[in-house]
Amino acid sequence: MAVCYNKLWKILIDKHMSKTQLIKEAKISTNAMARLGKNEDVRVEVLVKICSVLGCTIDDIMEIIPEKKENGNG
């Protein structure tokens, strides 16, 4: 399964907040932000900090995307 953080970027736009502002307010590392930007896994602790700052739930900032099965492989 893959993760997608497009919902997070939409919330930041809606709140007129930059990624740099989020890093400072949520006290997360630039490395964590880079991983989010690449739709890579991050610690739940990072997601909780972001949700706390934005006043939302994890569901509001990310989605889990099931990987597509290749034809003929199952």
PDB file of N, CA and C in Angstrom:
ATOM      1  N   MET A   1       0.832  -1.172   0.000  1.00  0.00           N
ATOM      2  CA  MET A   1       0.000   0.000   0.000  1.00  0.00           C
ATOM      3  C   MET A   1       0.883   1.244   0.000  1.00  0.00           C
ATOM      4  N   ALA A   2       0.345   2.293  -0.551  1.00  0.00           N
ATOM      5  CA  ALA A   2       1.076   3.554  -0.624  1.00  0.00           C
ATOM      6  C   ALA A   2       0.308   4.634   0.133  1.00  0.00           C
ATOM      7  N   VAL A   3       1.022   5.661   0.551  1.00  0.00           N
ATOM      8  CA  VAL A   3       0.375   6.785   1.211  1.00  0.00           C
ATOM      9  C   VAL A   3       0.442   8.021   0.317  1.00  0.00           C
ATOM     10  N   CYS A   4      -0.528   8.902   0.494  1.00  0.00           N
ATOM     11  CA  CYS A   4      -0.573  10.132  -0.281  1.00  0.00           C
ATOM     12  C   CYS A   4      -0.933  11.275   0.665  1.00  0.00           C
ATOM     13  N   TYR A   5      -0.172  12.348   0.616  1.00  0.00           N
ATOM     14  CA  TYR A   5      -0.386  13.485   1.511  1.00  0.00           C
ATOM     15  C   TYR A   5      -0.976  14.692   0.793  1.00  0.00           C
ATOM     16  N   ASN A   6      -1.630  14.487  -0.354  1.00  0.00           N
ATOM     17  CA  ASN A   6      -2.221  15.602  -1.094  1.00  0.00           C
ATOM     18  C   ASN A   6      -3.225  16.387  -0.260  1.00  0.00           C
ATOM     19  N   LYS A   7      -3.919  15.693   0.640  1.00  0.00           N
ATOM     20  CA  LYS A   7      -4.889  16.378   1.512  1.00  0.00           C
ATOM     21  C   LYS A   7      -4.168  17.395   2.408  1.00  0.00           C
ATOM     22  N   LEU A   8      -2.961  17.055   2.852  1.00  0.00           N
ATOM     23  CA  LEU A   8      -2.186  17.973   3.688  1.00  0.00           C
ATOM     24  C   LEU A   8      -1.854  19.242   2.920  1.00  0.00           C
ATOM     25  N   TRP A   9      -1.398  19.090   1.686  1.00  0.00           N
ATOM     26  CA  TRP A   9      -1.011  20.268   0.892  1.00  0.00           C
ATOM     27  C   TRP A   9      -2.222  21.165   0.637  1.00  0.00           C
ATOM     28  N   LYS A  10      -3.386  20.544   0.442  1.00  0.00           N
ATOM     29  CA  LYS A  10      -4.613  21.325   0.228  1.00  0.00           C
ATOM     30  C   LYS A  10      -4.960  22.125   1.486  1.00  0.00           C
ATOM     31  N   ILE A  11      -4.843  21.504   2.666  1.00  0.00           N
ATOM     32  CA  ILE A  11      -5.132  22.209   3.915  1.00  0.00           C
ATOM     33  C   ILE A  11      -4.175  23.385   4.093  1.00  0.00           C
ATOM     34  N   LEU A  12      -2.894  23.167   3.788  1.00  0.00           N
ATOM     35  CA  LEU A  12      -1.917  24.253   3.927  1.00  0.00           C
ATOM     36  C   LEU A  12      -2.278  25.425   3.018  1.00  0.00           C
ATOM     37  N   ILE A  13      -2.699  25.128   1.797  1.00  0.00           N
ATOM     38  CA  ILE A  13      -3.119  26.185   0.865  1.00  0.00           C
ATOM     39  C   ILE A  13      -4.337  26.918   1.426  1.00  0.00           C
ATOM     40  N   ASP A  14      -5.312  26.145   1.880  1.00  0.00           N
ATOM     41  CA  ASP A  14      -6.541  26.740   2.420  1.00  0.00           C
ATOM     42  C   ASP A  14      -6.266  27.636   3.631  1.00  0.00           C
ATOM     43  N   LYS A  15      -5.264  27.261   4.433  1.00  0.00           N
ATOM     44  CA  LYS A  15      -4.939  28.026   5.637  1.00  0.00           C
ATOM     45  C   LYS A  15      -3.862  29.081   5.375  1.00  0.00           C
ATOM     46  N   HIS A  16      -3.439  29.204   4.120  1.00  0.00           N
ATOM     47  CA  HIS A  16      -2.380  30.153   3.739  1.00  0.00           C
ATOM     48  C   HIS A  16      -1.132  29.941   4.602  1.00  0.00           C
ATOM     49  N   MET A  17      -0.742  28.681   4.745  1.00  0.00           N
ATOM     50  CA  MET A  17       0.409  28.324   5.571  1.00  0.00           C
ATOM     51  C   MET A  17       1.469  27.664   4.690  1.00  0.00           C
ATOM     52  N   SER A  18       2.706  28.061   4.876  1.00  0.00           N
ATOM     53  CA  SER A  18       3.793  27.457   4.105  1.00  0.00           C
ATOM     54  C   SER A  18       4.305  26.206   4.804  1.00  0.00           C
ATOM     55  N   LYS A  19       5.047  25.417   4.064  1.00  0.00           N
ATOM     56  CA  LYS A  19       5.654  24.219   4.650  1.00  0.00           C
ATOM     57  C   LYS A  19       6.626  24.615   5.756  1.00  0.00           C
ATOM     58  N   THR A  20       7.341  25.717   5.544  1.00  0.00           N
ATOM     59  CA  THR A  20       8.294  26.198   6.547  1.00  0.00           C
ATOM     60  C   THR A  20       7.580  26.586   7.833  1.00  0.00           C
ATOM     61  N   GLN A  21       6.440  27.254   7.715  1.00  0.00           N
ATOM     62  CA  GLN A  21       5.656  27.613   8.897  1.00  0.00           C
ATOM     63  C   GLN A  21       5.202  26.357   9.641  1.00  0.00           C
ATOM     64  N   LEU A  22       4.763  25.357   8.883  1.00  0.00           N
ATOM     65  CA  LEU A  22       4.312  24.118   9.503  1.00  0.00           C
ATOM     66  C   LEU A  22       5.455  23.424  10.236  1.00  0.00           C
ATOM     67  N   ILE A  23       6.621  23.395   9.628  1.00  0.00           N
ATOM     68  CA  ILE A  23       7.802  22.789  10.261  1.00  0.00           C
ATOM     69  C   ILE A  23       8.060  23.444  11.620  1.00  0.00           C
ATOM     70  N   LYS A  24       8.015  24.777  11.651  1.00  0.00           N
ATOM     71  CA  LYS A  24       8.292  25.504  12.892  1.00  0.00           C
ATOM     72  C   LYS A  24       7.196  25.286  13.928  1.00  0.00           C
ATOM     73  N   GLU A  25       5.941  25.431  13.521  1.00  0.00           N
ATOM     74  CA  GLU A  25       4.834  25.340  14.468  1.00  0.00           C
ATOM     75  C   GLU A  25       4.628  23.927  15.007  1.00  0.00           C
ATOM     76  N   ALA A  26       4.818  22.917  14.141  1.00  0.00           N
ATOM     77  CA  ALA A  26       4.621  21.530  14.557  1.00  0.00           C
ATOM     78  C   ALA A  26       5.887  20.933  15.171  1.00  0.00           C
ATOM     79  N   LYS A  27       6.983  21.677  15.071  1.00  0.00           N
ATOM     80  CA  LYS A  27       8.274  21.208  15.593  1.00  0.00           C
ATOM     81  C   LYS A  27       8.654  19.852  14.994  1.00  0.00           C
ATOM     82  N   ILE A  28       8.584  19.795  13.664  1.00  0.00           N
ATOM     83  CA  ILE A  28       9.013  18.590  12.944  1.00  0.00           C
ATOM     84  C   ILE A  28      10.277  18.921  12.155  1.00  0.00           C
ATOM     85  N   SER A  29      10.997  17.915  11.746  1.00  0.00           N
ATOM     86  CA  SER A  29      12.264  18.140  11.036  1.00  0.00           C
ATOM     87  C   SER A  29      12.015  18.413   9.552  1.00  0.00           C
ATOM     88  N   THR A  30      13.002  19.060   8.951  1.00  0.00           N
ATOM     89  CA  THR A  30      12.924  19.282   7.504  1.00  0.00           C
ATOM     90  C   THR A  30      12.983  17.947   6.774  1.00  0.00           C
ATOM     91  N   ASN A  31      13.662  16.973   7.376  1.00  0.00           N
ATOM     92  CA  ASN A  31      13.728  15.631   6.791  1.00  0.00           C
ATOM     93  C   ASN A  31      12.339  14.998   6.743  1.00  0.00           C
ATOM     94  N   ALA A  32      11.569  15.171   7.826  1.00  0.00           N
ATOM     95  CA  ALA A  32      10.203  14.632   7.857  1.00  0.00           C
ATOM     96  C   ALA A  32       9.355  15.298   6.770  1.00  0.00           C
ATOM     97  N   MET A  33       9.505  16.610   6.619  1.00  0.00           N
ATOM     98  CA  MET A  33       8.747  17.332   5.593  1.00  0.00           C
ATOM     99  C   MET A  33       9.138  16.842   4.202  1.00  0.00           C
ATOM    100  N   ALA A  34      10.419  16.584   3.991  1.00  0.00           N
ATOM    101  CA  ALA A  34      10.877  16.080   2.696  1.00  0.00           C
ATOM    102  C   ALA A  34      10.249  14.717   2.399  1.00  0.00           C
ATOM    103  N   ARG A  35      10.166  13.871   3.408  1.00  0.00           N
ATOM    104  CA  ARG A  35       9.559  12.545   3.232  1.00  0.00           C
ATOM    105  C   ARG A  35       8.070  12.690   2.899  1.00  0.00           C
ATOM    106  N   LEU A  36       7.387  13.621   3.557  1.00  0.00           N
ATOM    107  CA  LEU A  36       5.976  13.869   3.247  1.00  0.00           C
ATOM    108  C   LEU A  36       5.836  14.309   1.787  1.00  0.00           C
ATOM    109  N   GLY A  37       6.754  15.165   1.345  1.00  0.00           N
ATOM    110  CA  GLY A  37       6.713  15.670  -0.028  1.00  0.00           C
ATOM    111  C   GLY A  37       6.893  14.582  -1.073  1.00  0.00           C
ATOM    112  N   LYS A  38       7.545  13.488  -0.669  1.00  0.00           N
ATOM    113  CA  LYS A  38       7.777  12.360  -1.588  1.00  0.00           C
ATOM    114  C   LYS A  38       6.765  11.233  -1.372  1.00  0.00           C
ATOM    115  N   ASN A  39       5.722  11.503  -0.560  1.00  0.00           N
ATOM    116  CA  ASN A  39       4.725  10.473  -0.214  1.00  0.00           C
ATOM    117  C   ASN A  39       5.377   9.230   0.372  1.00  0.00           C
ATOM    118  N   GLU A  40       6.388   9.461   1.231  1.00  0.00           N
ATOM    119  CA  GLU A  40       7.059   8.358   1.905  1.00  0.00           C
ATOM    120  C   GLU A  40       6.506   8.220   3.321  1.00  0.00           C
ATOM    121  N   ASP A  41       6.796   7.092   3.960  1.00  0.00           N
ATOM    122  CA  ASP A  41       6.329   6.857   5.321  1.00  0.00           C
ATOM    123  C   ASP A  41       7.024   7.807   6.291  1.00  0.00           C
ATOM    124  N   VAL A  42       6.251   8.298   7.255  1.00  0.00           N
ATOM    125  CA  VAL A  42       6.806   9.083   8.359  1.00  0.00           C
ATOM    126  C   VAL A  42       6.268   8.507   9.658  1.00  0.00           C
ATOM    127  N   ARG A  43       6.879   8.878  10.762  1.00  0.00           N
ATOM    128  CA  ARG A  43       6.429   8.388  12.073  1.00  0.00           C
ATOM    129  C   ARG A  43       5.046   8.951  12.384  1.00  0.00           C
ATOM    130  N   VAL A  44       4.268   8.180  13.086  1.00  0.00           N
ATOM    131  CA  VAL A  44       2.935   8.627  13.505  1.00  0.00           C
ATOM    132  C   VAL A  44       3.074   9.881  14.366  1.00  0.00           C
ATOM    133  N   GLU A  45       4.124   9.965  15.138  1.00  0.00           N
ATOM    134  CA  GLU A  45       4.374  11.134  15.980  1.00  0.00           C
ATOM    135  C   GLU A  45       4.386  12.422  15.149  1.00  0.00           C
ATOM    136  N   VAL A  46       4.988  12.364  13.969  1.00  0.00           N
ATOM    137  CA  VAL A  46       5.036  13.519  13.070  1.00  0.00           C
ATOM    138  C   VAL A  46       3.624  13.892  12.621  1.00  0.00           C
ATOM    139  N   LEU A  47       2.843  12.897  12.238  1.00  0.00           N
ATOM    140  CA  LEU A  47       1.476  13.150  11.785  1.00  0.00           C
ATOM    141  C   LEU A  47       0.629  13.743  12.905  1.00  0.00           C
ATOM    142  N   VAL A  48       0.824  13.246  14.123  1.00  0.00           N
ATOM    143  CA  VAL A  48       0.072  13.751  15.278  1.00  0.00           C
ATOM    144  C   VAL A  48       0.419  15.215  15.545  1.00  0.00           C
ATOM    145  N   LYS A  49       1.694  15.560  15.452  1.00  0.00           N
ATOM    146  CA  LYS A  49       2.114  16.951  15.654  1.00  0.00           C
ATOM    147  C   LYS A  49       1.479  17.865  14.603  1.00  0.00           C
ATOM    148  N   ILE A  50       1.460  17.412  13.353  1.00  0.00           N
ATOM    149  CA  ILE A  50       0.855  18.200  12.273  1.00  0.00           C
ATOM    150  C   ILE A  50      -0.636  18.388  12.534  1.00  0.00           C
ATOM    151  N   CYS A  51      -1.308  17.308  12.889  1.00  0.00           N
ATOM    152  CA  CYS A  51      -2.742  17.374  13.166  1.00  0.00           C
ATOM    153  C   CYS A  51      -3.045  18.315  14.324  1.00  0.00           C
ATOM    154  N   SER A  52      -2.200  18.304  15.326  1.00  0.00           N
ATOM    155  CA  SER A  52      -2.389  19.170  16.480  1.00  0.00           C
ATOM    156  C   SER A  52      -2.334  20.642  16.072  1.00  0.00           C
ATOM    157  N   VAL A  53      -1.370  20.981  15.234  1.00  0.00           N
ATOM    158  CA  VAL A  53      -1.216  22.363  14.767  1.00  0.00           C
ATOM    159  C   VAL A  53      -2.374  22.771  13.852  1.00  0.00           C
ATOM    160  N   LEU A  54      -2.787  21.859  12.983  1.00  0.00           N
ATOM    161  CA  LEU A  54      -3.822  22.194  11.998  1.00  0.00           C
ATOM    162  C   LEU A  54      -5.242  21.991  12.536  1.00  0.00           C
ATOM    163  N   GLY A  55      -5.359  21.364  13.690  1.00  0.00           N
ATOM    164  CA  GLY A  55      -6.677  21.120  14.268  1.00  0.00           C
ATOM    165  C   GLY A  55      -7.503  20.143  13.448  1.00  0.00           C
ATOM    166  N   CYS A  56      -6.861  19.039  13.066  1.00  0.00           N
ATOM    167  CA  CYS A  56      -7.537  18.053  12.226  1.00  0.00           C
ATOM    168  C   CYS A  56      -7.151  16.649  12.669  1.00  0.00           C
ATOM    169  N   THR A  57      -7.617  15.646  11.941  1.00  0.00           N
ATOM    170  CA  THR A  57      -7.263  14.260  12.230  1.00  0.00           C
ATOM    171  C   THR A  57      -6.325  13.731  11.138  1.00  0.00           C
ATOM    172  N   ILE A  58      -5.726  12.592  11.398  1.00  0.00           N
ATOM    173  CA  ILE A  58      -4.817  11.993  10.414  1.00  0.00           C
ATOM    174  C   ILE A  58      -5.550  11.743   9.094  1.00  0.00           C
ATOM    175  N   ASP A  59      -6.799  11.345   9.196  1.00  0.00           N
ATOM    176  CA  ASP A  59      -7.625  11.127   8.002  1.00  0.00           C
ATOM    177  C   ASP A  59      -7.733  12.363   7.115  1.00  0.00           C
ATOM    178  N   ASP A  60      -7.633  13.542   7.751  1.00  0.00           N
ATOM    179  CA  ASP A  60      -7.766  14.801   7.016  1.00  0.00           C
ATOM    180  C   ASP A  60      -6.513  15.166   6.233  1.00  0.00           C
ATOM    181  N   ILE A  61      -5.364  14.575   6.587  1.00  0.00           N
ATOM    182  CA  ILE A  61      -4.115  14.978   5.933  1.00  0.00           C
ATOM    183  C   ILE A  61      -3.486  13.899   5.062  1.00  0.00           C
ATOM    184  N   MET A  62      -3.987  12.680   5.156  1.00  0.00           N
ATOM    185  CA  MET A  62      -3.376  11.617   4.343  1.00  0.00           C
ATOM    186  C   MET A  62      -4.416  10.601   3.923  1.00  0.00           C
ATOM    187  N   GLU A  63      -4.087   9.852   2.887  1.00  0.00           N
ATOM    188  CA  GLU A  63      -4.920   8.716   2.506  1.00  0.00           C
ATOM    189  C   GLU A  63      -4.026   7.547   2.148  1.00  0.00           C
ATOM    190  N   ILE A  64      -4.549   6.360   2.354  1.00  0.00           N
ATOM    191  CA  ILE A  64      -3.826   5.139   2.016  1.00  0.00           C
ATOM    192  C   ILE A  64      -4.387   4.630   0.698  1.00  0.00           C
ATOM    193  N   ILE A  65      -3.500   4.429  -0.236  1.00  0.00           N
ATOM    194  CA  ILE A  65      -3.908   4.010  -1.572  1.00  0.00           C
ATOM    195  C   ILE A  65      -3.498   2.566  -1.795  1.00  0.00           C
ATOM    196  N   PRO A  66      -4.486   1.677  -1.999  1.00  0.00           N
ATOM    197  CA  PRO A  66      -4.132   0.283  -2.275  1.00  0.00           C
ATOM    198  C   PRO A  66      -3.374   0.180  -3.600  1.00  0.00           C
ATOM    199  N   GLU A  67      -2.363  -0.657  -3.622  1.00  0.00           N
ATOM    200  CA  GLU A  67      -1.587  -0.827  -4.857  1.00  0.00           C
ATOM    201  C   GLU A  67      -2.392  -1.648  -5.840  1.00  0.00           C
ATOM    202  N   LYS A  68      -2.311  -1.247  -7.103  1.00  0.00           N
ATOM    203  CA  LYS A  68      -3.062  -1.946  -8.146  1.00  0.00           C
ATOM    204  C   LYS A  68      -2.393  -3.273  -8.458  1.00  0.00           C
ATOM    205  N   LYS A  69      -3.232  -4.285  -8.672  1.00  0.00           N
ATOM    206  CA  LYS A  69      -2.709  -5.605  -9.040  1.00  0.00           C
ATOM    207  C   LYS A  69      -2.445  -5.618 -10.534  1.00  0.00           C
ATOM    208  N   GLU A  70      -1.352  -6.269 -10.879  1.00  0.00           N
ATOM    209  CA  GLU A  70      -1.004  -6.414 -12.289  1.00  0.00           C
ATOM    210  C   GLU A  70      -1.933  -7.468 -12.923  1.00  0.00           C
ATOM    211  N   ASN A  71      -2.259  -7.288 -14.163  1.00  0.00           N
ATOM    212  CA  ASN A  71      -3.122  -8.254 -14.863  1.00  0.00           C
ATOM    213  C   ASN A  71      -2.451  -9.624 -14.905  1.00  0.00           C
ATOM    214  N   GLY A  72      -3.209 -10.645 -14.540  1.00  0.00           N
ATOM    215  CA  GLY A  72      -2.707 -12.004 -14.601  1.00  0.00           C
ATOM    216  C   GLY A  72      -1.935 -12.452 -13.387  1.00  0.00           C
ATOM    217  N   ASN A  73      -1.750 -11.542 -12.404  1.00  0.00           N
ATOM    218  CA  ASN A  73      -0.997 -11.907 -11.202  1.00  0.00           C
ATOM    219  C   ASN A  73      -1.897 -12.017  -9.991  1.00  0.00           C
ATOM    220  N   GLY A  74      -3.007 -12.663 -10.104  1.00  0.00           N
ATOM    221  CA  GLY A  74      -3.791 -12.855  -8.914  1.00  0.00           C
ATOM    222  C   GLY A  74      -5.191 -12.500  -9.146  1.00  0.00           C
TER     223      GLY A  74
END
